[in-house]
Every structure is written in C-alpha cells, then in structure tokens.
Amino acid sequence: MIKKVFHKKNLIALIINEKEFLKNGVNFLTPNSFSLQLGFMGHKKNHIIKPHTHLKFLRKITNTMEILFVKKGILRVDFYSKHKQYLFSHLVKKNNIIVLIEGSHGFKMLKNCFLIEVKQGPFSPNLDKVRFNSIDEKKITIKK
C-alpha cells in the first residue's frame, strides 16, 4: 500500500509499505515528474538487464526531496507547513519507506531506529536547510 499524505491538496509525502517493493519486474513508485525517483526491481535468477549508460543533460531542481527507509524501529514524522506551522504526524515502521516531497518536517524516534536516507546533492549546509523549534509534544496528532 502507498499512503499519500496531503496538505491543502498538495502531495507532501508518500509512505510506502514494504509489500510494494516485493513485486516482480521494474516498479517505480514516484511519477516521472519528481526530482527524485524511487523504484524497485524483482527479477528471477539469470534475468539480464542490458548494459547501459545514463546520458548527461541539465536538470533544474528547485526543492530537496528525501527518501527515508526505516530499516529498524518506528519513526514519527511531524509535518509542518512552509510557514513552519505544525500540521500533523504519521508513523513510519520497520521496513517501510517515506518519500518527503515538499513542506517542512521533523522526526522523533519512538523506538531505536536505523534509517537509510537518500536525497539530491550536492548538499550545502548554508543553503539547503533552516532549522526551527518543534511543537510541544502534548499537541502531537498522529494520523492513520
């Protein structure tokens, strides 16, 4: 299952259950328009993928997308508006993936976590992100 997370009709995240990436064949879970692509492949023994090269062409990327794979634990993702106002939270569990598309976010580890993160580069600490204070824990609302 792929859970689409919206705020005001804007898709801000995808939460992907591990069953989605245990399928045969080539399966991309993000649309071609996304600046970061997420796909999975399941092939039988002796399947061949022909050698290939990726051509260089100029891409214009205006936002940073992130993919987090929760290898172990439970991660709470707190979503914020572009104006740093808390919206709601979602849980991402072991072996699930979240694609963070736009808006602001913070995280709390609810169990010991091991995460794999993928995002565009190069990373520039001074240009890439601005940190701000999180919401009071008593005001957290976890959506299902």
Protein backbone atom coordinates (compact mmCIF):
# COMPACT_ATOMS: atom_id res chain seq x y z
CA MET A 1 0.00 0.00 0.00
CA ILE A 2 1.13 3.53 -0.76
CA LYS A 3 -0.34 6.13 1.58
CA LYS A 4 -0.48 9.60 0.03
CA VAL A 5 -0.13 12.42 2.56
CA PHE A 6 -1.75 15.71 1.53
CA HIS A 7 -1.96 19.21 2.94
CA LYS A 8 -4.37 21.59 1.20
CA LYS A 9 -4.50 19.39 -1.93
CA ASN A 10 -0.67 19.36 -2.13
CA LEU A 11 1.00 15.96 -2.02
CA ILE A 12 3.69 16.33 0.68
CA ALA A 13 4.74 12.71 1.26
CA LEU A 14 4.33 9.08 0.28
CA ILE A 15 4.51 6.35 2.91
CA ILE A 16 5.29 3.03 1.26
CA ASN A 17 4.57 -0.33 2.86
CA GLU A 18 7.24 -2.97 2.31
CA LYS A 19 4.83 -5.13 0.30
CA GLU A 20 5.07 -2.56 -2.52
CA PHE A 21 8.71 -3.37 -3.15
CA LEU A 22 8.43 -7.14 -3.07
CA LYS A 23 6.87 -7.33 -6.55
CA ASN A 24 8.39 -8.83 -9.69
CA GLY A 25 9.58 -6.64 -12.54
CA VAL A 26 10.54 -2.98 -12.57
CA ASN A 27 8.19 -0.86 -10.46
CA PHE A 28 8.63 2.87 -9.98
CA LEU A 29 6.60 4.33 -7.13
CA THR A 30 7.23 8.00 -7.91
CA PRO A 31 5.98 9.81 -11.00
CA ASN A 32 8.45 10.82 -13.73
CA SER A 33 7.96 14.47 -12.74
CA PHE A 34 9.54 14.01 -9.29
CA SER A 35 13.10 15.29 -8.94
CA LEU A 36 13.98 12.11 -7.04
CA GLN A 37 12.91 8.73 -8.39
CA LEU A 38 12.15 5.65 -6.29
CA GLY A 39 11.77 2.27 -7.92
CA PHE A 40 12.18 -1.38 -7.03
CA MET A 41 13.13 -4.38 -9.08
CA GLY A 42 12.37 -8.02 -8.52
CA HIS A 43 13.87 -10.44 -11.02
CA LYS A 44 14.30 -14.18 -11.16
CA LYS A 45 17.67 -15.91 -11.29
CA ASN A 46 19.52 -15.41 -14.60
CA HIS A 47 17.43 -12.37 -15.56
CA ILE A 48 19.60 -9.94 -17.53
CA ILE A 49 19.47 -6.17 -17.57
CA LYS A 50 21.34 -4.99 -20.65
CA PRO A 51 24.38 -2.80 -20.04
CA HIS A 52 23.53 0.87 -20.37
CA THR A 53 24.77 4.35 -19.68
CA HIS A 54 22.87 7.38 -18.43
CA LEU A 55 23.15 10.42 -20.65
CA LYS A 56 24.08 13.78 -19.21
CA PHE A 57 21.52 16.53 -19.51
CA LEU A 58 20.84 19.65 -17.48
CA ARG A 59 18.14 19.27 -14.84
CA LYS A 60 16.68 22.14 -12.86
CA ILE A 61 15.84 21.17 -9.28
CA THR A 62 14.22 23.76 -7.04
CA ASN A 63 13.41 21.70 -3.95
CA THR A 64 15.09 18.93 -1.99
CA MET A 65 13.19 15.67 -1.76
CA GLU A 66 14.23 12.98 0.72
CA ILE A 67 13.66 9.25 0.94
CA LEU A 68 13.96 7.53 4.32
CA PHE A 69 13.99 3.76 4.60
CA VAL A 70 13.26 2.65 8.17
CA LYS A 71 15.44 -0.45 8.45
CA LYS A 72 14.68 -0.86 12.17
CA GLY A 73 12.39 0.84 14.68
CA ILE A 74 9.48 3.26 14.50
CA LEU A 75 9.87 6.83 13.27
CA ARG A 76 7.37 9.60 13.94
CA VAL A 77 7.36 12.17 11.15
CA ASP A 78 5.99 15.57 12.16
CA PHE A 79 4.78 17.63 9.20
CA TYR A 80 4.88 21.41 9.14
CA SER A 81 3.65 23.92 6.60
CA LYS A 82 6.03 26.01 4.51
CA HIS A 83 5.39 28.67 7.17
CA LYS A 84 6.67 26.37 9.96
CA GLN A 85 3.22 25.70 11.44
CA TYR A 86 2.67 22.17 12.80
CA LEU A 87 0.13 20.18 10.74
CA PHE A 88 0.05 16.52 11.89
CA SER A 89 2.24 13.43 12.32
CA HIS A 90 2.50 9.97 10.77
CA LEU A 91 4.29 6.83 11.95
CA VAL A 92 6.70 5.00 9.66
CA LYS A 93 7.54 1.49 10.82
CA LYS A 94 10.31 -1.01 10.20
CA ASN A 95 10.90 -1.89 6.52
CA ASN A 96 8.67 0.94 5.31
CA ILE A 97 9.74 3.98 3.33
CA ILE A 98 8.71 7.62 3.32
CA VAL A 99 9.27 9.97 0.39
CA LEU A 100 9.26 13.58 1.62
CA ILE A 101 8.17 15.72 -1.29
CA GLU A 102 7.63 19.26 -0.01
CA GLY A 103 6.91 21.30 3.11
CA SER A 104 8.79 21.06 6.39
CA HIS A 105 9.26 18.09 8.67
CA GLY A 106 10.84 16.86 11.88
CA PHE A 107 11.36 13.43 13.35
CA LYS A 108 11.16 11.60 16.66
CA MET A 109 12.45 8.06 17.10
CA LEU A 110 9.75 6.15 19.02
CA LYS A 111 11.92 3.02 19.11
CA ASN A 112 15.63 2.63 18.39
CA CYS A 113 15.93 3.34 14.67
CA PHE A 114 18.30 2.62 11.84
CA LEU A 115 17.48 4.73 8.79
CA ILE A 116 18.80 4.92 5.25
CA GLU A 117 18.43 8.38 3.69
CA VAL A 118 18.66 9.36 0.04
CA LYS A 119 18.38 12.95 -1.22
CA GLN A 120 19.70 15.13 -4.01
CA GLY A 121 23.17 16.55 -3.84
CA PRO A 122 25.41 18.29 -3.62
CA PHE A 123 24.49 19.30 -0.06
CA SER A 124 25.21 22.85 1.08
CA PRO A 125 24.72 23.32 4.85
CA ASN A 126 24.25 27.08 4.48
CA LEU A 127 21.79 26.95 1.56
CA ASP A 128 19.93 23.68 1.97
CA LYS A 129 18.01 23.87 5.26
CA VAL A 130 16.81 26.12 8.07
CA ARG A 131 16.10 24.62 11.48
CA PHE A 132 13.28 25.82 13.73
CA ASN A 133 11.66 24.80 17.03
CA SER A 134 9.35 21.80 17.09
CA ILE A 135 5.86 21.68 18.52
CA ASP A 136 5.03 20.85 22.13
CA GLU A 137 4.76 17.05 22.45
CA LYS A 138 1.29 17.39 24.03
CA LYS A 139 -0.07 18.84 20.77
CA ILE A 140 1.03 15.98 18.50
CA THR A 141 -1.75 14.43 16.40
CA ILE A 142 -0.91 11.12 14.69
CA LYS A 143 -2.94 10.44 11.53
CA LYS A 144 -3.66 6.94 10.34
